[in-house]
Amino acid sequence: MNLNGRKFVMVSSTASDVDPDGPTEFLYWEEDGLIWGSYTGDTVTVGRFVGTRDDDQITISYVHALKEGGRAGGQSSSRIEREADGRLRLVEEFQFDGDDTQHVSVCVEALA
């Protein structure tokens, strides 16, 4: 279940509406328990994340530039699951810096 080179698309989020025609896309890299990557789409011009993985749990810090201007950052914890069709699914609990609100997003592995 290595995440190296896998692309995921957001399908739901409690923090914003997800545009099904242009959802946020995440590209993951993994090596020796380290996780890093980038994302763009929906409300995000460009974003980066870095963190660690322990079995099916991912913990990251992230920051991104917003299309409406400004930036946002925070921390998240994701659980790796498997879809019925074999693709991976990430269920992420996250919060933005300076805000105690807990959000949840779901991303599924993009088909090649």
Protein backbone atom coordinates (compact mmCIF):
# COMPACT_ATOMS: atom_id res chain seq x y z
CA MET A 1 0.00 0.00 0.00
CA ASN A 2 2.88 2.38 -0.69
CA LEU A 3 1.61 5.87 -1.59
CA ASN A 4 4.63 6.79 -3.73
CA GLY A 5 3.46 8.46 -6.95
CA ARG A 6 -0.26 7.97 -6.27
CA LYS A 7 -2.78 10.66 -7.16
CA PHE A 8 -5.96 11.25 -5.16
CA VAL A 9 -9.00 13.45 -5.83
CA MET A 10 -11.18 15.01 -3.17
CA VAL A 11 -14.77 13.76 -3.23
CA SER A 12 -16.12 15.45 -0.08
CA SER A 13 -15.13 17.99 2.56
CA THR A 14 -16.84 19.66 5.48
CA ALA A 15 -14.63 22.75 4.97
CA SER A 16 -15.84 23.65 1.44
CA ASP A 17 -17.96 22.52 -1.49
CA VAL A 18 -16.12 20.14 -3.81
CA ASP A 19 -16.34 20.90 -7.54
CA PRO A 20 -16.91 17.48 -9.18
CA ASP A 21 -15.59 18.86 -12.50
CA GLY A 22 -12.39 20.25 -10.95
CA PRO A 23 -11.77 18.73 -7.52
CA THR A 24 -8.58 19.28 -5.58
CA GLU A 25 -5.96 16.73 -6.69
CA PHE A 26 -3.22 15.46 -4.39
CA LEU A 27 0.05 13.82 -5.45
CA TYR A 28 1.71 11.72 -2.72
CA TRP A 29 5.31 10.57 -2.29
CA GLU A 30 6.53 8.17 0.38
CA GLU A 31 9.89 6.86 1.49
CA ASP A 32 10.97 5.23 4.78
CA GLY A 33 7.90 6.41 6.69
CA LEU A 34 8.07 9.98 5.36
CA ILE A 35 5.15 11.42 3.37
CA TRP A 36 5.23 14.56 1.21
CA GLY A 37 3.44 15.97 -1.77
CA SER A 38 1.50 18.72 -3.47
CA TYR A 39 -2.07 19.63 -4.30
CA THR A 40 -4.07 22.05 -6.43
CA GLY A 41 -7.64 22.65 -7.58
CA ASP A 42 -11.01 23.88 -6.33
CA THR A 43 -10.12 26.72 -3.94
CA VAL A 44 -6.35 26.07 -3.89
CA THR A 45 -3.79 27.56 -6.30
CA VAL A 46 -0.91 25.46 -4.96
CA GLY A 47 -0.36 23.51 -1.75
CA ARG A 48 2.37 21.43 -0.13
CA PHE A 49 2.39 18.91 2.72
CA VAL A 50 4.91 16.87 4.69
CA GLY A 51 4.54 14.31 7.44
CA THR A 52 4.86 10.70 8.50
CA ARG A 53 3.10 7.39 8.07
CA ASP A 54 2.62 4.66 10.67
CA ASP A 55 0.84 1.63 9.17
CA ASP A 56 -2.54 2.95 7.90
CA GLN A 57 -2.25 6.35 9.66
CA ILE A 58 -0.81 9.50 8.06
CA THR A 59 -0.01 12.67 10.02
CA ILE A 60 0.89 15.80 8.05
CA SER A 61 1.25 19.56 8.20
CA TYR A 62 0.10 21.52 5.16
CA VAL A 63 0.03 25.03 3.70
CA HIS A 64 -1.61 26.35 0.55
CA ALA A 65 -2.24 29.54 -1.42
CA LEU A 66 -5.94 30.30 -1.89
CA LYS A 67 -7.41 31.25 -5.27
CA GLU A 68 -9.31 34.08 -3.54
CA GLY A 69 -6.03 35.38 -2.09
CA GLY A 70 -4.13 34.69 1.09
CA ARG A 71 -2.98 31.37 2.44
CA ALA A 72 -4.09 28.68 4.87
CA GLY A 73 -2.25 25.98 6.76
CA GLY A 74 -2.84 23.38 9.42
CA GLN A 75 -2.48 19.77 10.49
CA SER A 76 -4.27 16.59 9.58
CA SER A 77 -4.50 12.91 10.36
CA SER A 78 -5.63 10.49 7.66
CA ARG A 79 -6.67 6.85 7.69
CA ILE A 80 -5.89 4.75 4.62
CA GLU A 81 -8.75 2.48 3.54
CA ARG A 82 -9.38 0.34 0.46
CA GLU A 83 -12.37 0.85 -1.84
CA ALA A 84 -14.34 -2.17 -3.12
CA ASP A 85 -12.67 -1.74 -6.55
CA GLY A 86 -9.16 -1.88 -5.02
CA ARG A 87 -8.36 1.84 -5.11
CA LEU A 88 -7.13 3.53 -1.95
CA ARG A 89 -9.27 5.99 0.00
CA LEU A 90 -8.01 8.60 2.48
CA VAL A 91 -10.33 9.75 5.27
CA GLU A 92 -8.78 12.88 6.72
CA GLU A 93 -9.57 14.80 9.90
CA PHE A 94 -8.00 18.25 9.78
CA GLN A 95 -8.03 21.70 11.24
CA PHE A 96 -6.66 25.03 10.10
CA ASP A 97 -4.12 26.97 12.15
CA GLY A 98 -5.90 29.42 14.45
CA ASP A 99 -9.24 27.57 14.23
CA ASP A 100 -10.35 24.78 16.58
CA THR A 101 -13.02 23.50 14.14
CA GLN A 102 -12.45 19.87 13.14
CA HIS A 103 -13.15 19.12 9.47
CA VAL A 104 -13.33 15.84 7.55
CA SER A 105 -12.48 15.23 3.91
CA VAL A 106 -12.47 12.10 1.78
CA CYS A 107 -10.16 11.52 -1.18
CA VAL A 108 -10.08 8.53 -3.50
CA GLU A 109 -7.26 7.30 -5.67
CA ALA A 110 -7.58 8.60 -9.22
CA LEU A 111 -7.89 6.05 -11.99
CA ALA A 112 -4.86 5.97 -14.27
